[in-house]
PDB file of N, CA and C in Angstrom:
ATOM      1  N   UNK A   1     -13.676  -6.406  10.357  1.00  0.00           N
ATOM      2  CA  UNK A   1     -12.766  -7.234  11.117  1.00  0.00           C
ATOM      3  C   UNK A   1     -12.131  -6.366  12.200  1.00  0.00           C
ATOM      4  N   UNK A   2     -12.303  -6.718  13.444  1.00  0.00           N
ATOM      5  CA  UNK A   2     -11.750  -5.951  14.545  1.00  0.00           C
ATOM      6  C   UNK A   2     -10.261  -6.253  14.683  1.00  0.00           C
ATOM      7  N   UNK A   3      -9.526  -5.258  15.145  1.00  0.00           N
ATOM      8  CA  UNK A   3      -8.098  -5.450  15.353  1.00  0.00           C
ATOM      9  C   UNK A   3      -7.595  -4.432  16.354  1.00  0.00           C
ATOM     10  N   UNK A   4      -6.354  -4.576  16.747  1.00  0.00           N
ATOM     11  CA  UNK A   4      -5.729  -3.636  17.665  1.00  0.00           C
ATOM     12  C   UNK A   4      -5.435  -2.338  16.919  1.00  0.00           C
ATOM     13  N   UNK A   5      -5.242  -1.253  17.690  1.00  0.00           N
ATOM     14  CA  UNK A   5      -4.875   0.015  17.089  1.00  0.00           C
ATOM     15  C   UNK A   5      -3.516  -0.146  16.409  1.00  0.00           C
ATOM     16  N   UNK A   6      -3.410   0.324  15.204  1.00  0.00           N
ATOM     17  CA  UNK A   6      -2.165   0.166  14.440  1.00  0.00           C
ATOM     18  C   UNK A   6      -1.325   1.429  14.434  1.00  0.00           C
ATOM     19  N   UNK A   7      -1.747   2.473  15.163  1.00  0.00           N
ATOM     20  CA  UNK A   7      -1.014   3.725  15.137  1.00  0.00           C
ATOM     21  C   UNK A   7      -1.250   4.444  13.813  1.00  0.00           C
ATOM     22  N   UNK A   8      -0.413   5.403  13.516  1.00  0.00           N
ATOM     23  CA  UNK A   8      -0.566   6.172  12.276  1.00  0.00           C
ATOM     24  C   UNK A   8      -0.120   5.335  11.077  1.00  0.00           C
ATOM     25  N   UNK A   9      -0.812   5.476   9.950  1.00  0.00           N
ATOM     26  CA  UNK A   9      -0.358   4.767   8.743  1.00  0.00           C
ATOM     27  C   UNK A   9       0.958   5.375   8.250  1.00  0.00           C
ATOM     28  N   UNK A  10       1.713   4.631   7.451  1.00  0.00           N
ATOM     29  CA  UNK A  10       2.979   5.178   6.937  1.00  0.00           C
ATOM     30  C   UNK A  10       2.732   6.420   6.071  1.00  0.00           C
ATOM     31  N   UNK A  11       3.682   7.359   6.110  1.00  0.00           N
ATOM     32  CA  UNK A  11       3.572   8.566   5.287  1.00  0.00           C
ATOM     33  C   UNK A  11       3.757   8.253   3.809  1.00  0.00           C
ATOM     34  N   UNK A  12       4.703   7.361   3.511  1.00  0.00           N
ATOM     35  CA  UNK A  12       4.978   7.006   2.116  1.00  0.00           C
ATOM     36  C   UNK A  12       5.307   5.525   2.029  1.00  0.00           C
ATOM     37  N   UNK A  13       4.923   4.945   0.912  1.00  0.00           N
ATOM     38  CA  UNK A  13       5.303   3.571   0.578  1.00  0.00           C
ATOM     39  C   UNK A  13       5.891   3.603  -0.825  1.00  0.00           C
ATOM     40  N   UNK A  14       7.156   3.204  -0.948  1.00  0.00           N
ATOM     41  CA  UNK A  14       7.850   3.171  -2.236  1.00  0.00           C
ATOM     42  C   UNK A  14       7.982   1.730  -2.697  1.00  0.00           C
ATOM     43  N   UNK A  15       7.764   1.478  -3.981  1.00  0.00           N
ATOM     44  CA  UNK A  15       7.958   0.128  -4.524  1.00  0.00           C
ATOM     45  C   UNK A  15       9.450  -0.192  -4.468  1.00  0.00           C
ATOM     46  N   UNK A  16       9.770  -1.317  -3.867  1.00  0.00           N
ATOM     47  CA  UNK A  16      11.162  -1.776  -3.820  1.00  0.00           C
ATOM     48  C   UNK A  16      11.380  -2.823  -4.912  1.00  0.00           C
ATOM     49  N   UNK A  17      10.413  -3.685  -5.048  1.00  0.00           N
ATOM     50  CA  UNK A  17      10.334  -4.628  -6.158  1.00  0.00           C
ATOM     51  C   UNK A  17       8.863  -4.988  -6.282  1.00  0.00           C
ATOM     52  N   UNK A  18       8.518  -5.781  -7.241  1.00  0.00           N
ATOM     53  CA  UNK A  18       7.115  -6.060  -7.501  1.00  0.00           C
ATOM     54  C   UNK A  18       6.388  -6.588  -6.257  1.00  0.00           C
ATOM     55  N   UNK A  19       5.355  -5.845  -5.825  1.00  0.00           N
ATOM     56  CA  UNK A  19       4.540  -6.248  -4.684  1.00  0.00           C
ATOM     57  C   UNK A  19       5.146  -5.985  -3.324  1.00  0.00           C
ATOM     58  N   UNK A  20       6.379  -5.473  -3.270  1.00  0.00           N
ATOM     59  CA  UNK A  20       7.049  -5.195  -1.992  1.00  0.00           C
ATOM     60  C   UNK A  20       7.369  -3.702  -1.934  1.00  0.00           C
ATOM     61  N   UNK A  21       6.942  -3.083  -0.848  1.00  0.00           N
ATOM     62  CA  UNK A  21       7.152  -1.650  -0.632  1.00  0.00           C
ATOM     63  C   UNK A  21       7.955  -1.458   0.641  1.00  0.00           C
ATOM     64  N   UNK A  22       8.577  -0.297   0.772  1.00  0.00           N
ATOM     65  CA  UNK A  22       9.217   0.070   2.041  1.00  0.00           C
ATOM     66  C   UNK A  22       8.715   1.453   2.420  1.00  0.00           C
ATOM     67  N   UNK A  23       8.623   1.667   3.725  1.00  0.00           N
ATOM     68  CA  UNK A  23       8.137   2.960   4.204  1.00  0.00           C
ATOM     69  C   UNK A  23       9.299   3.835   4.642  1.00  0.00           C
ATOM     70  N   UNK A  24       8.962   4.991   5.203  1.00  0.00           N
ATOM     71  CA  UNK A  24       9.985   5.972   5.590  1.00  0.00           C
ATOM     72  C   UNK A  24      10.865   5.475   6.735  1.00  0.00           C
ATOM     73  N   UNK A  25      10.478   4.382   7.405  1.00  0.00           N
ATOM     74  CA  UNK A  25      11.282   3.796   8.483  1.00  0.00           C
ATOM     75  C   UNK A  25      11.972   2.505   8.035  1.00  0.00           C
ATOM     76  N   UNK A  26      11.989   2.269   6.710  1.00  0.00           N
ATOM     77  CA  UNK A  26      12.612   1.088   6.096  1.00  0.00           C
ATOM     78  C   UNK A  26      11.917  -0.217   6.469  1.00  0.00           C
ATOM     79  N   UNK A  27      10.670  -0.130   6.944  1.00  0.00           N
ATOM     80  CA  UNK A  27       9.879  -1.343   7.173  1.00  0.00           C
ATOM     81  C   UNK A  27       9.345  -1.806   5.829  1.00  0.00           C
ATOM     82  N   UNK A  28       9.179  -3.096   5.676  1.00  0.00           N
ATOM     83  CA  UNK A  28       8.688  -3.641   4.410  1.00  0.00           C
ATOM     84  C   UNK A  28       7.204  -3.967   4.506  1.00  0.00           C
ATOM     85  N   UNK A  29       6.517  -3.768   3.397  1.00  0.00           N
ATOM     86  CA  UNK A  29       5.081  -3.997   3.271  1.00  0.00           C
ATOM     87  C   UNK A  29       4.848  -4.792   1.997  1.00  0.00           C
ATOM     88  N   UNK A  30       3.983  -5.770   2.056  1.00  0.00           N
ATOM     89  CA  UNK A  30       3.641  -6.586   0.887  1.00  0.00           C
ATOM     90  C   UNK A  30       2.228  -6.206   0.457  1.00  0.00           C
ATOM     91  N   UNK A  31       2.063  -5.892  -0.828  1.00  0.00           N
ATOM     92  CA  UNK A  31       0.767  -5.459  -1.366  1.00  0.00           C
ATOM     93  C   UNK A  31       0.222  -6.501  -2.327  1.00  0.00           C
ATOM     94  N   UNK A  32      -1.067  -6.780  -2.189  1.00  0.00           N
ATOM     95  CA  UNK A  32      -1.762  -7.717  -3.071  1.00  0.00           C
ATOM     96  C   UNK A  32      -3.038  -7.037  -3.559  1.00  0.00           C
ATOM     97  N   UNK A  33      -3.257  -7.076  -4.856  1.00  0.00           N
ATOM     98  CA  UNK A  33      -4.483  -6.503  -5.417  1.00  0.00           C
ATOM     99  C   UNK A  33      -5.656  -7.433  -5.190  1.00  0.00           C
ATOM    100  N   UNK A  34      -6.801  -6.839  -4.913  1.00  0.00           N
ATOM    101  CA  UNK A  34      -8.059  -7.566  -4.809  1.00  0.00           C
ATOM    102  C   UNK A  34      -9.014  -6.888  -5.785  1.00  0.00           C
ATOM    103  N   UNK A  35      -9.244  -7.523  -6.919  1.00  0.00           N
ATOM    104  CA  UNK A  35     -10.111  -6.923  -7.920  1.00  0.00           C
ATOM    105  C   UNK A  35     -11.543  -7.388  -7.730  1.00  0.00           C
ATOM    106  N   UNK A  36     -12.438  -6.440  -7.701  1.00  0.00           N
ATOM    107  CA  UNK A  36     -13.860  -6.720  -7.650  1.00  0.00           C
ATOM    108  C   UNK A  36     -14.472  -6.053  -8.870  1.00  0.00           C
ATOM    109  N   UNK A  37     -15.703  -6.410  -9.173  1.00  0.00           N
ATOM    110  CA  UNK A  37     -16.322  -5.842 -10.372  1.00  0.00           C
ATOM    111  C   UNK A  37     -16.468  -4.328 -10.274  1.00  0.00           C
ATOM    112  N   UNK A  38     -16.717  -3.808  -9.073  1.00  0.00           N
ATOM    113  CA  UNK A  38     -16.983  -2.378  -8.949  1.00  0.00           C
ATOM    114  C   UNK A  38     -15.768  -1.546  -8.551  1.00  0.00           C
ATOM    115  N   UNK A  39     -14.721  -2.184  -8.027  1.00  0.00           N
ATOM    116  CA  UNK A  39     -13.584  -1.382  -7.565  1.00  0.00           C
ATOM    117  C   UNK A  39     -12.312  -2.224  -7.497  1.00  0.00           C
ATOM    118  N   UNK A  40     -11.211  -1.512  -7.362  1.00  0.00           N
ATOM    119  CA  UNK A  40      -9.902  -2.137  -7.205  1.00  0.00           C
ATOM    120  C   UNK A  40      -9.443  -1.833  -5.785  1.00  0.00           C
ATOM    121  N   UNK A  41      -8.996  -2.864  -5.076  1.00  0.00           N
ATOM    122  CA  UNK A  41      -8.502  -2.681  -3.719  1.00  0.00           C
ATOM    123  C   UNK A  41      -7.107  -3.292  -3.600  1.00  0.00           C
ATOM    124  N   UNK A  42      -6.337  -2.737  -2.665  1.00  0.00           N
ATOM    125  CA  UNK A  42      -5.012  -3.280  -2.370  1.00  0.00           C
ATOM    126  C   UNK A  42      -4.951  -3.579  -0.880  1.00  0.00           C
ATOM    127  N   UNK A  43      -4.596  -4.808  -0.546  1.00  0.00           N
ATOM    128  CA  UNK A  43      -4.367  -5.197   0.851  1.00  0.00           C
ATOM    129  C   UNK A  43      -2.858  -5.127   1.057  1.00  0.00           C
ATOM    130  N   UNK A  44      -2.434  -4.266   1.982  1.00  0.00           N
ATOM    131  CA  UNK A  44      -1.013  -3.989   2.196  1.00  0.00           C
ATOM    132  C   UNK A  44      -0.685  -4.352   3.644  1.00  0.00           C
ATOM    133  N   UNK A  45       0.218  -5.341   3.815  1.00  0.00           N
ATOM    134  CA  UNK A  45       0.558  -5.829   5.152  1.00  0.00           C
ATOM    135  C   UNK A  45       2.025  -5.577   5.442  1.00  0.00           C
ATOM    136  N   UNK A  46       2.284  -5.158   6.687  1.00  0.00           N
ATOM    137  CA  UNK A  46       3.678  -4.960   7.102  1.00  0.00           C
ATOM    138  C   UNK A  46       4.243  -6.320   7.468  1.00  0.00           C
ATOM    139  N   UNK A  47       5.083  -6.825   6.583  1.00  0.00           N
ATOM    140  CA  UNK A  47       5.706  -8.130   6.750  1.00  0.00           C
ATOM    141  C   UNK A  47       7.200  -7.949   6.509  1.00  0.00           C
ATOM    142  N   UNK A  48       8.007  -8.509   7.373  1.00  0.00           N
ATOM    143  CA  UNK A  48       9.450  -8.378   7.187  1.00  0.00           C
ATOM    144  C   UNK A  48       9.897  -9.345   6.099  1.00  0.00           C
ATOM    145  N   UNK A  49      10.468  -8.783   5.037  1.00  0.00           N
ATOM    146  CA  UNK A  49      11.017  -9.594   3.954  1.00  0.00           C
ATOM    147  C   UNK A  49      12.417  -9.068   3.656  1.00  0.00           C
ATOM    148  N   UNK A  50      13.334  -9.942   3.233  1.00  0.00           N
ATOM    149  CA  UNK A  50      14.664  -9.455   2.861  1.00  0.00           C
ATOM    150  C   UNK A  50      14.540  -8.549   1.637  1.00  0.00           C
ATOM    151  N   UNK A  51      15.148  -7.366   1.711  1.00  0.00           N
ATOM    152  CA  UNK A  51      14.987  -6.401   0.625  1.00  0.00           C
ATOM    153  C   UNK A  51      15.848  -6.715  -0.591  1.00  0.00           C
ATOM    154  N   UNK A  52      17.116  -6.996  -0.395  1.00  0.00           N
ATOM    155  CA  UNK A  52      17.990  -7.159  -1.554  1.00  0.00           C
ATOM    156  C   UNK A  52      18.073  -5.847  -2.322  1.00  0.00           C
ATOM    157  N   UNK A  53      18.497  -5.926  -3.565  1.00  0.00           N
ATOM    158  CA  UNK A  53      18.602  -4.727  -4.389  1.00  0.00           C
ATOM    159  C   UNK A  53      17.216  -4.290  -4.851  1.00  0.00           C
ATOM    160  N   UNK A  54      17.037  -2.986  -4.910  1.00  0.00           N
ATOM    161  CA  UNK A  54      15.769  -2.437  -5.398  1.00  0.00           C
ATOM    162  C   UNK A  54      15.691  -2.603  -6.919  1.00  0.00           C
ATOM    163  N   UNK A  55      14.500  -2.868  -7.402  1.00  0.00           N
ATOM    164  CA  UNK A  55      14.284  -2.943  -8.848  1.00  0.00           C
ATOM    165  C   UNK A  55      14.158  -1.524  -9.401  1.00  0.00           C
ATOM    166  N   UNK A  56      14.674  -1.303 -10.566  1.00  0.00           N
ATOM    167  CA  UNK A  56      14.472  -0.009 -11.222  1.00  0.00           C
ATOM    168  C   UNK A  56      13.012   0.068 -11.639  1.00  0.00           C
ATOM    169  N   UNK A  57      12.405   1.251 -11.532  1.00  0.00           N
ATOM    170  CA  UNK A  57      10.993   1.362 -11.934  1.00  0.00           C
ATOM    171  C   UNK A  57      10.735   0.850 -13.343  1.00  0.00           C
ATOM    172  N   UNK A  58      11.688   1.054 -14.250  1.00  0.00           N
ATOM    173  CA  UNK A  58      11.496   0.598 -15.633  1.00  0.00           C
ATOM    174  C   UNK A  58      11.533  -0.927 -15.746  1.00  0.00           C
ATOM    175  N   UNK A  59      12.043  -1.610 -14.716  1.00  0.00           N
ATOM    176  CA  UNK A  59      12.122  -3.074 -14.738  1.00  0.00           C
ATOM    177  C   UNK A  59      10.935  -3.745 -14.062  1.00  0.00           C
ATOM    178  N   UNK A  60      10.068  -2.944 -13.430  1.00  0.00           N
ATOM    179  CA  UNK A  60       8.881  -3.513 -12.801  1.00  0.00           C
ATOM    180  C   UNK A  60       7.838  -3.778 -13.880  1.00  0.00           C
ATOM    181  N   UNK A  61       7.176  -4.931 -13.768  1.00  0.00           N
ATOM    182  CA  UNK A  61       6.141  -5.245 -14.740  1.00  0.00           C
ATOM    183  C   UNK A  61       5.006  -4.242 -14.629  1.00  0.00           C
ATOM    184  N   UNK A  62       4.295  -4.050 -15.731  1.00  0.00           N
ATOM    185  CA  UNK A  62       3.135  -3.172 -15.701  1.00  0.00           C
ATOM    186  C   UNK A  62       2.131  -3.759 -14.725  1.00  0.00           C
ATOM    187  N   UNK A  63       1.687  -2.924 -13.797  1.00  0.00           N
ATOM    188  CA  UNK A  63       0.790  -3.381 -12.750  1.00  0.00           C
ATOM    189  C   UNK A  63      -0.158  -2.252 -12.401  1.00  0.00           C
ATOM    190  N   UNK A  64      -1.279  -2.613 -11.804  1.00  0.00           N
ATOM    191  CA  UNK A  64      -2.183  -1.586 -11.312  1.00  0.00           C
ATOM    192  C   UNK A  64      -1.727  -1.066  -9.956  1.00  0.00           C
ATOM    193  N   UNK A  65      -0.717  -1.722  -9.369  1.00  0.00           N
ATOM    194  CA  UNK A  65      -0.124  -1.199  -8.147  1.00  0.00           C
ATOM    195  C   UNK A  65       0.809  -0.045  -8.518  1.00  0.00           C
ATOM    196  N   UNK A  66       0.772   1.041  -7.760  1.00  0.00           N
ATOM    197  CA  UNK A  66       1.616   2.199  -8.101  1.00  0.00           C
ATOM    198  C   UNK A  66       3.067   2.016  -7.679  1.00  0.00           C
ATOM    199  N   UNK A  67       3.927   2.917  -8.153  1.00  0.00           N
ATOM    200  CA  UNK A  67       5.330   2.931  -7.732  1.00  0.00           C
ATOM    201  C   UNK A  67       5.472   3.550  -6.346  1.00  0.00           C
ATOM    202  N   UNK A  68       4.490   4.392  -5.958  1.00  0.00           N
ATOM    203  CA  UNK A  68       4.539   5.036  -4.649  1.00  0.00           C
ATOM    204  C   UNK A  68       3.140   5.430  -4.210  1.00  0.00           C
ATOM    205  N   UNK A  69       2.914   5.342  -2.894  1.00  0.00           N
ATOM    206  CA  UNK A  69       1.725   5.920  -2.265  1.00  0.00           C
ATOM    207  C   UNK A  69       2.203   6.962  -1.275  1.00  0.00           C
ATOM    208  N   UNK A  70       1.543   8.120  -1.222  1.00  0.00           N
ATOM    209  CA  UNK A  70       1.859   9.147  -0.231  1.00  0.00           C
ATOM    210  C   UNK A  70       0.588   9.481   0.533  1.00  0.00           C
ATOM    211  N   UNK A  71       0.706   9.520   1.871  1.00  0.00           N
ATOM    212  CA  UNK A  71      -0.443   9.833   2.708  1.00  0.00           C
ATOM    213  C   UNK A  71      -0.972  11.211   2.358  1.00  0.00           C
ATOM    214  N   UNK A  72      -2.254  11.313   2.273  1.00  0.00           N
ATOM    215  CA  UNK A  72      -2.964  12.507   1.822  1.00  0.00           C
ATOM    216  C   UNK A  72      -4.015  12.803   2.882  1.00  0.00           C
ATOM    217  N   UNK A  73      -4.540  14.018   2.970  1.00  0.00           N
ATOM    218  CA  UNK A  73      -5.567  14.301   3.983  1.00  0.00           C
ATOM    219  C   UNK A  73      -6.823  13.436   3.815  1.00  0.00           C
ATOM    220  N   UNK A  74      -7.610  13.411   4.869  1.00  0.00           N
ATOM    221  CA  UNK A  74      -8.913  12.749   4.881  1.00  0.00           C
ATOM    222  C   UNK A  74      -8.832  11.235   4.701  1.00  0.00           C
ATOM    223  N   UNK A  75      -7.808  10.611   5.283  1.00  0.00           N
ATOM    224  CA  UNK A  75      -7.718   9.155   5.258  1.00  0.00           C
ATOM    225  C   UNK A  75      -7.527   8.568   3.876  1.00  0.00           C
ATOM    226  N   UNK A  76      -6.700   9.220   3.082  1.00  0.00           N
ATOM    227  CA  UNK A  76      -6.457   8.748   1.717  1.00  0.00           C
ATOM    228  C   UNK A  76      -4.964   8.742   1.419  1.00  0.00           C
ATOM    229  N   UNK A  77      -4.624   8.026   0.363  1.00  0.00           N
ATOM    230  CA  UNK A  77      -3.283   8.071  -0.214  1.00  0.00           C
ATOM    231  C   UNK A  77      -3.408   8.555  -1.650  1.00  0.00           C
ATOM    232  N   UNK A  78      -2.413   9.315  -2.107  1.00  0.00           N
ATOM    233  CA  UNK A  78      -2.310   9.638  -3.521  1.00  0.00           C
ATOM    234  C   UNK A  78      -1.154   8.817  -4.062  1.00  0.00           C
ATOM    235  N   UNK A  79      -1.373   8.176  -5.217  1.00  0.00           N
ATOM    236  CA  UNK A  79      -0.298   7.362  -5.766  1.00  0.00           C
ATOM    237  C   UNK A  79       0.515   8.137  -6.793  1.00  0.00           C
ATOM    238  N   UNK A  80       1.527   7.491  -7.328  1.00  0.00           N
ATOM    239  CA  UNK A  80       2.456   8.129  -8.260  1.00  0.00           C
ATOM    240  C   UNK A  80       1.799   8.487  -9.593  1.00  0.00           C
ATOM    241  N   UNK A  81       0.571   8.007  -9.825  1.00  0.00           N
ATOM    242  CA  UNK A  81      -0.180   8.375 -11.036  1.00  0.00           C
ATOM    243  C   UNK A  81      -1.292   9.369 -10.714  1.00  0.00           C
ATOM    244  N   UNK A  82      -1.205  10.015  -9.544  1.00  0.00           N
ATOM    245  CA  UNK A  82      -2.182  11.006  -9.071  1.00  0.00           C
ATOM    246  C   UNK A  82      -3.581  10.432  -8.863  1.00  0.00           C
ATOM    247  N   UNK A  83      -3.658   9.125  -8.589  1.00  0.00           N
ATOM    248  CA  UNK A  83      -4.947   8.514  -8.251  1.00  0.00           C
ATOM    249  C   UNK A  83      -5.093   8.503  -6.736  1.00  0.00           C
ATOM    250  N   UNK A  84      -6.325   8.643  -6.258  1.00  0.00           N
ATOM    251  CA  UNK A  84      -6.589   8.632  -4.826  1.00  0.00           C
ATOM    252  C   UNK A  84      -7.102   7.268  -4.387  1.00  0.00           C
ATOM    253  N   UNK A  85      -6.595   6.817  -3.249  1.00  0.00           N
ATOM    254  CA  UNK A  85      -6.987   5.541  -2.643  1.00  0.00           C
ATOM    255  C   UNK A  85      -7.502   5.835  -1.243  1.00  0.00           C
ATOM    256  N   UNK A  86      -8.703   5.398  -0.918  1.00  0.00           N
ATOM    257  CA  UNK A  86      -9.289   5.585   0.411  1.00  0.00           C
ATOM    258  C   UNK A  86      -8.794   4.488   1.344  1.00  0.00           C
ATOM    259  N   UNK A  87      -8.404   4.865   2.567  1.00  0.00           N
ATOM    260  CA  UNK A  87      -8.053   3.866   3.574  1.00  0.00           C
ATOM    261  C   UNK A  87      -9.363   3.313   4.130  1.00  0.00           C
ATOM    262  N   UNK A  88      -9.670   2.069   3.825  1.00  0.00           N
ATOM    263  CA  UNK A  88     -10.892   1.449   4.309  1.00  0.00           C
ATOM    264  C   UNK A  88     -10.676   0.770   5.652  1.00  0.00           C
ATOM    265  N   UNK A  89      -9.448   0.380   5.918  1.00  0.00           N
ATOM    266  CA  UNK A  89      -9.152  -0.394   7.115  1.00  0.00           C
ATOM    267  C   UNK A  89      -7.675  -0.189   7.429  1.00  0.00           C
ATOM    268  N   UNK A  90      -7.377   0.090   8.685  1.00  0.00           N
ATOM    269  CA  UNK A  90      -5.988   0.176   9.135  1.00  0.00           C
ATOM    270  C   UNK A  90      -5.967  -0.325  10.567  1.00  0.00           C
ATOM    271  N   UNK A  91      -5.430  -1.498  10.770  1.00  0.00           N
ATOM    272  CA  UNK A  91      -5.424  -2.109  12.099  1.00  0.00           C
ATOM    273  C   UNK A  91      -4.289  -3.114  12.188  1.00  0.00           C
ATOM    274  N   UNK A  92      -4.067  -3.591  13.390  1.00  0.00           N
ATOM    275  CA  UNK A  92      -3.139  -4.693  13.598  1.00  0.00           C
ATOM    276  C   UNK A  92      -3.987  -5.935  13.827  1.00  0.00           C
ATOM    277  N   UNK A  93      -3.847  -6.904  12.940  1.00  0.00           N
ATOM    278  CA  UNK A  93      -4.627  -8.135  13.006  1.00  0.00           C
ATOM    279  C   UNK A  93      -3.666  -9.295  13.244  1.00  0.00           C
ATOM    280  N   UNK A  94      -3.846  -9.992  14.349  1.00  0.00           N
ATOM    281  CA  UNK A  94      -2.970 -11.102  14.733  1.00  0.00           C
ATOM    282  C   UNK A  94      -1.497 -10.700  14.684  1.00  0.00           C
ATOM    283  N   UNK A  95      -1.201  -9.495  15.175  1.00  0.00           N
ATOM    284  CA  UNK A  95       0.175  -9.018  15.249  1.00  0.00           C
ATOM    285  C   UNK A  95       0.733  -8.435  13.960  1.00  0.00           C
ATOM    286  N   UNK A  96      -0.084  -8.344  12.902  1.00  0.00           N
ATOM    287  CA  UNK A  96       0.386  -7.821  11.614  1.00  0.00           C
ATOM    288  C   UNK A  96      -0.363  -6.536  11.282  1.00  0.00           C
ATOM    289  N   UNK A  97       0.394  -5.451  11.057  1.00  0.00           N
ATOM    290  CA  UNK A  97      -0.241  -4.191  10.620  1.00  0.00           C
ATOM    291  C   UNK A  97      -0.744  -4.368   9.204  1.00  0.00           C
ATOM    292  N   UNK A  98      -1.941  -3.851   8.964  1.00  0.00           N
ATOM    293  CA  UNK A  98      -2.567  -4.051   7.656  1.00  0.00           C
ATOM    294  C   UNK A  98      -3.335  -2.806   7.248  1.00  0.00           C
ATOM    295  N   UNK A  99      -3.215  -2.473   5.972  1.00  0.00           N
ATOM    296  CA  UNK A  99      -3.993  -1.404   5.351  1.00  0.00           C
ATOM    297  C   UNK A  99      -4.837  -2.029   4.251  1.00  0.00           C
ATOM    298  N   UNK A 100      -6.083  -1.606   4.141  1.00  0.00           N
ATOM    299  CA  UNK A 100      -6.900  -1.985   2.999  1.00  0.00           C
ATOM    300  C   UNK A 100      -7.247  -0.681   2.289  1.00  0.00           C
ATOM    301  N   UNK A 101      -6.766  -0.543   1.062  1.00  0.00           N
ATOM    302  CA  UNK A 101      -6.932   0.690   0.284  1.00  0.00           C
ATOM    303  C   UNK A 101      -7.875   0.413  -0.890  1.00  0.00           C
ATOM    304  N   UNK A 102      -8.789   1.344  -1.153  1.00  0.00           N
ATOM    305  CA  UNK A 102      -9.721   1.217  -2.276  1.00  0.00           C
ATOM    306  C   UNK A 102      -9.479   2.379  -3.234  1.00  0.00           C
ATOM    307  N   UNK A 103      -9.259   2.051  -4.490  1.00  0.00           N
ATOM    308  CA  UNK A 103      -9.049   3.071  -5.512  1.00  0.00           C
ATOM    309  C   UNK A 103     -10.346   3.830  -5.724  1.00  0.00           C
ATOM    310  N   UNK A 104     -10.280   5.151  -5.581  1.00  0.00           N
ATOM    311  CA  UNK A 104     -11.471   5.991  -5.768  1.00  0.00           C
ATOM    312  C   UNK A 104     -11.672   6.269  -7.243  1.00  0.00           C
ATOM    313  N   UNK A 105     -12.935   6.358  -7.677  1.00  0.00           N
ATOM    314  CA  UNK A 105     -13.195   6.673  -9.086  1.00  0.00           C
ATOM    315  C   UNK A 105     -12.731   8.083  -9.402  1.00  0.00           C
ATOM    316  N   UNK A 106     -12.353   8.310 -10.653  1.00  0.00           N
ATOM    317  CA  UNK A 106     -11.963   9.664 -11.083  1.00  0.00           C
ATOM    318  C   UNK A 106     -13.188  10.547 -11.108  1.00  0.00           C
ATOM    319  N   UNK A 107     -12.979  11.818 -10.772  1.00  0.00           N
ATOM    320  CA  UNK A 107     -14.112  12.773 -10.821  1.00  0.00           C
ATOM    321  C   UNK A 107     -14.418  13.166 -12.238  1.00  0.00           C
TER     322      UNK A 107
END
């Protein structure tokens, strides 16, 4: 899917509440899992949502989405469980910045 240049991806995404993350510039991102038979992917879109109070990590439901993603070399993110996610797509589509991340298999 072609899109406009989205600039650099965020350095960090912290879970604010279930499915909602904020980056180092306090922008909000909504993450949705896309499960396929061979891999797990997360579609993360920069969408403005009211933040309200942050949920405590212990109050977040068990999810395959991490509590945090941190930008890592070679177009990847490392999550709070030390798993690596490859950036498959990073663009602005119809005015919305979007990341598509694929969980890499463990070595």
